[in-house]
Amino acid sequence: MTDDDRVFKALADPTRRFLLDLLFARDGRTLSELESTLEMTRYGVMKHLRVLEEAGLVVSRRSGREKFHFLNPVPIRLIHDRWIDKYTERHVAALVDLKNELEDQS
């Protein structure tokens, strides 16, 4: 499985996207904090976090007895640059050209 495949697999699940949104809002949350926002078992949240970590979207760090989870936006940016940005660039350039052409006519 490629890195892109892992990221797409991780992003395909709404619970994992919700966890990423929580970490985006406030980074450095513990499992207990994340678990309290979902109606699922601690083990279920841990499984989702494992998928996110395998995709590189979440990085964890231990501090004493607690484990803190942090969002890593780099894999999402790489997906954006490879799969989204190249398809939108042509449309944006066409709109800029149209704008300039219309302004030149007036």
C-alpha atoms as a PDB file:
ATOM      1  CA  MET A   1       0.000   0.000   0.000  1.00  0.00           C
ATOM      2  CA  THR A   2       1.403   3.421  -0.956  1.00  0.00           C
ATOM      3  CA  ASP A   3       1.443   6.515   1.254  1.00  0.00           C
ATOM      4  CA  ASP A   4      -1.348   8.050  -0.848  1.00  0.00           C
ATOM      5  CA  ASP A   5      -3.442   4.906  -0.386  1.00  0.00           C
ATOM      6  CA  ARG A   6      -3.006   5.092   3.392  1.00  0.00           C
ATOM      7  CA  VAL A   7      -4.040   8.761   3.450  1.00  0.00           C
ATOM      8  CA  PHE A   8      -7.110   8.166   1.269  1.00  0.00           C
ATOM      9  CA  LYS A   9      -8.089   5.147   3.385  1.00  0.00           C
ATOM     10  CA  ALA A  10      -7.739   7.206   6.563  1.00  0.00           C
ATOM     11  CA  LEU A  11      -9.744  10.119   5.152  1.00  0.00           C
ATOM     12  CA  ALA A  12     -12.503   7.830   3.834  1.00  0.00           C
ATOM     13  CA  ASP A  13     -13.976   7.333   7.302  1.00  0.00           C
ATOM     14  CA  PRO A  14     -16.131  10.125   8.827  1.00  0.00           C
ATOM     15  CA  THR A  15     -14.998   9.304  12.376  1.00  0.00           C
ATOM     16  CA  ARG A  16     -11.356   9.721  11.407  1.00  0.00           C
ATOM     17  CA  ARG A  17     -12.125  13.003   9.642  1.00  0.00           C
ATOM     18  CA  PHE A  18     -13.892  14.152  12.819  1.00  0.00           C
ATOM     19  CA  LEU A  19     -10.813  13.259  14.886  1.00  0.00           C
ATOM     20  CA  LEU A  20      -8.649  15.276  12.505  1.00  0.00           C
ATOM     21  CA  ASP A  21     -11.042  18.223  12.838  1.00  0.00           C
ATOM     22  CA  LEU A  22     -10.747  18.009  16.622  1.00  0.00           C
ATOM     23  CA  LEU A  23      -6.961  18.018  16.420  1.00  0.00           C
ATOM     24  CA  PHE A  24      -7.055  20.911  13.968  1.00  0.00           C
ATOM     25  CA  ALA A  25      -9.165  22.912  16.434  1.00  0.00           C
ATOM     26  CA  ARG A  26      -6.812  22.118  19.314  1.00  0.00           C
ATOM     27  CA  ASP A  27      -3.681  20.066  18.895  1.00  0.00           C
ATOM     28  CA  GLY A  28      -2.151  17.885  21.585  1.00  0.00           C
ATOM     29  CA  ARG A  29      -5.199  16.005  22.855  1.00  0.00           C
ATOM     30  CA  THR A  30      -5.097  12.836  24.896  1.00  0.00           C
ATOM     31  CA  LEU A  31      -7.000   9.674  24.052  1.00  0.00           C
ATOM     32  CA  SER A  32      -9.406  10.422  26.909  1.00  0.00           C
ATOM     33  CA  GLU A  33     -10.180  13.869  25.481  1.00  0.00           C
ATOM     34  CA  LEU A  34     -10.778  12.480  22.013  1.00  0.00           C
ATOM     35  CA  GLU A  35     -12.814   9.575  23.334  1.00  0.00           C
ATOM     36  CA  SER A  36     -15.122  11.881  25.303  1.00  0.00           C
ATOM     37  CA  THR A  37     -16.346  13.513  22.081  1.00  0.00           C
ATOM     38  CA  LEU A  38     -17.341  10.241  20.402  1.00  0.00           C
ATOM     39  CA  GLU A  39     -19.969   7.655  21.177  1.00  0.00           C
ATOM     40  CA  MET A  40     -17.678   4.651  20.894  1.00  0.00           C
ATOM     41  CA  THR A  41     -15.389   2.623  23.059  1.00  0.00           C
ATOM     42  CA  ARG A  42     -11.878   3.661  23.969  1.00  0.00           C
ATOM     43  CA  TYR A  43     -10.627   0.713  21.927  1.00  0.00           C
ATOM     44  CA  GLY A  44     -12.593   1.926  18.876  1.00  0.00           C
ATOM     45  CA  VAL A  45     -11.022   5.391  19.097  1.00  0.00           C
ATOM     46  CA  MET A  46      -7.585   3.785  19.477  1.00  0.00           C
ATOM     47  CA  LYS A  47      -8.146   1.783  16.271  1.00  0.00           C
ATOM     48  CA  HIS A  48      -9.061   4.956  14.369  1.00  0.00           C
ATOM     49  CA  LEU A  49      -6.025   6.776  15.743  1.00  0.00           C
ATOM     50  CA  ARG A  50      -3.805   3.872  14.685  1.00  0.00           C
ATOM     51  CA  VAL A  51      -5.035   4.184  11.079  1.00  0.00           C
ATOM     52  CA  LEU A  52      -4.413   7.945  11.190  1.00  0.00           C
ATOM     53  CA  GLU A  53      -0.912   7.392  12.585  1.00  0.00           C
ATOM     54  CA  GLU A  54      -0.111   4.776   9.925  1.00  0.00           C
ATOM     55  CA  ALA A  55      -1.119   7.332   7.284  1.00  0.00           C
ATOM     56  CA  GLY A  56       1.112   9.932   8.923  1.00  0.00           C
ATOM     57  CA  LEU A  57      -1.846  12.224   9.607  1.00  0.00           C
ATOM     58  CA  VAL A  58      -1.460  12.010  13.384  1.00  0.00           C
ATOM     59  CA  VAL A  59       1.739  11.996  15.389  1.00  0.00           C
ATOM     60  CA  SER A  60       1.765  11.055  19.047  1.00  0.00           C
ATOM     61  CA  ARG A  61       4.164  11.886  21.848  1.00  0.00           C
ATOM     62  CA  ARG A  62       4.362  10.564  25.371  1.00  0.00           C
ATOM     63  CA  SER A  63       4.757  12.887  28.314  1.00  0.00           C
ATOM     64  CA  GLY A  64       4.845  10.997  31.560  1.00  0.00           C
ATOM     65  CA  ARG A  65       1.841   8.689  31.682  1.00  0.00           C
ATOM     66  CA  GLU A  66      -0.093  10.562  29.004  1.00  0.00           C
ATOM     67  CA  LYS A  67       0.097  10.247  25.250  1.00  0.00           C
ATOM     68  CA  PHE A  68      -0.707  13.383  23.267  1.00  0.00           C
ATOM     69  CA  HIS A  69      -1.912  13.324  19.648  1.00  0.00           C
ATOM     70  CA  PHE A  70      -1.037  16.009  17.121  1.00  0.00           C
ATOM     71  CA  LEU A  71      -2.263  16.706  13.595  1.00  0.00           C
ATOM     72  CA  ASN A  72       0.317  16.406  10.830  1.00  0.00           C
ATOM     73  CA  PRO A  73      -1.105  18.299   7.821  1.00  0.00           C
ATOM     74  CA  VAL A  74       1.779  17.442   5.476  1.00  0.00           C
ATOM     75  CA  PRO A  75       0.228  14.273   3.944  1.00  0.00           C
ATOM     76  CA  ILE A  76      -3.003  16.169   3.204  1.00  0.00           C
ATOM     77  CA  ARG A  77      -0.999  18.943   1.553  1.00  0.00           C
ATOM     78  CA  LEU A  78       0.854  16.408  -0.584  1.00  0.00           C
ATOM     79  CA  ILE A  79      -2.486  14.922  -1.694  1.00  0.00           C
ATOM     80  CA  HIS A  80      -3.733  18.428  -2.468  1.00  0.00           C
ATOM     81  CA  ASP A  81      -0.668  19.289  -4.521  1.00  0.00           C
ATOM     82  CA  ARG A  82      -0.757  16.034  -6.461  1.00  0.00           C
ATOM     83  CA  TRP A  83      -4.476  15.459  -6.983  1.00  0.00           C
ATOM     84  CA  ILE A  84      -6.304  18.762  -6.614  1.00  0.00           C
ATOM     85  CA  ASP A  85      -4.033  21.668  -7.362  1.00  0.00           C
ATOM     86  CA  LYS A  86      -3.012  20.504 -10.833  1.00  0.00           C
ATOM     87  CA  TYR A  87      -6.649  20.146 -11.898  1.00  0.00           C
ATOM     88  CA  THR A  88      -7.735  23.573 -10.662  1.00  0.00           C
ATOM     89  CA  GLU A  89      -4.747  25.558 -11.962  1.00  0.00           C
ATOM     90  CA  ARG A  90      -5.952  25.480 -15.561  1.00  0.00           C
ATOM     91  CA  HIS A  91      -9.392  26.811 -14.597  1.00  0.00           C
ATOM     92  CA  VAL A  92      -7.982  29.603 -12.463  1.00  0.00           C
ATOM     93  CA  ALA A  93      -5.571  30.633 -15.219  1.00  0.00           C
ATOM     94  CA  ALA A  94      -8.457  30.714 -17.718  1.00  0.00           C
ATOM     95  CA  LEU A  95     -10.494  32.959 -15.418  1.00  0.00           C
ATOM     96  CA  VAL A  96      -7.549  35.347 -14.963  1.00  0.00           C
ATOM     97  CA  ASP A  97      -7.063  35.485 -18.741  1.00  0.00           C
ATOM     98  CA  LEU A  98     -10.783  36.183 -19.238  1.00  0.00           C
ATOM     99  CA  LYS A  99     -10.723  38.931 -16.609  1.00  0.00           C
ATOM    100  CA  ASN A 100      -7.701  40.580 -18.240  1.00  0.00           C
ATOM    101  CA  GLU A 101      -9.272  40.327 -21.689  1.00  0.00           C
ATOM    102  CA  LEU A 102     -12.550  41.885 -20.516  1.00  0.00           C
ATOM    103  CA  GLU A 103     -10.710  44.700 -18.744  1.00  0.00           C
ATOM    104  CA  ASP A 104      -8.661  45.407 -21.882  1.00  0.00           C
ATOM    105  CA  GLN A 105     -11.877  45.720 -23.934  1.00  0.00           C
ATOM    106  CA  SER A 106     -13.371  48.411 -21.723  1.00  0.00           C
END
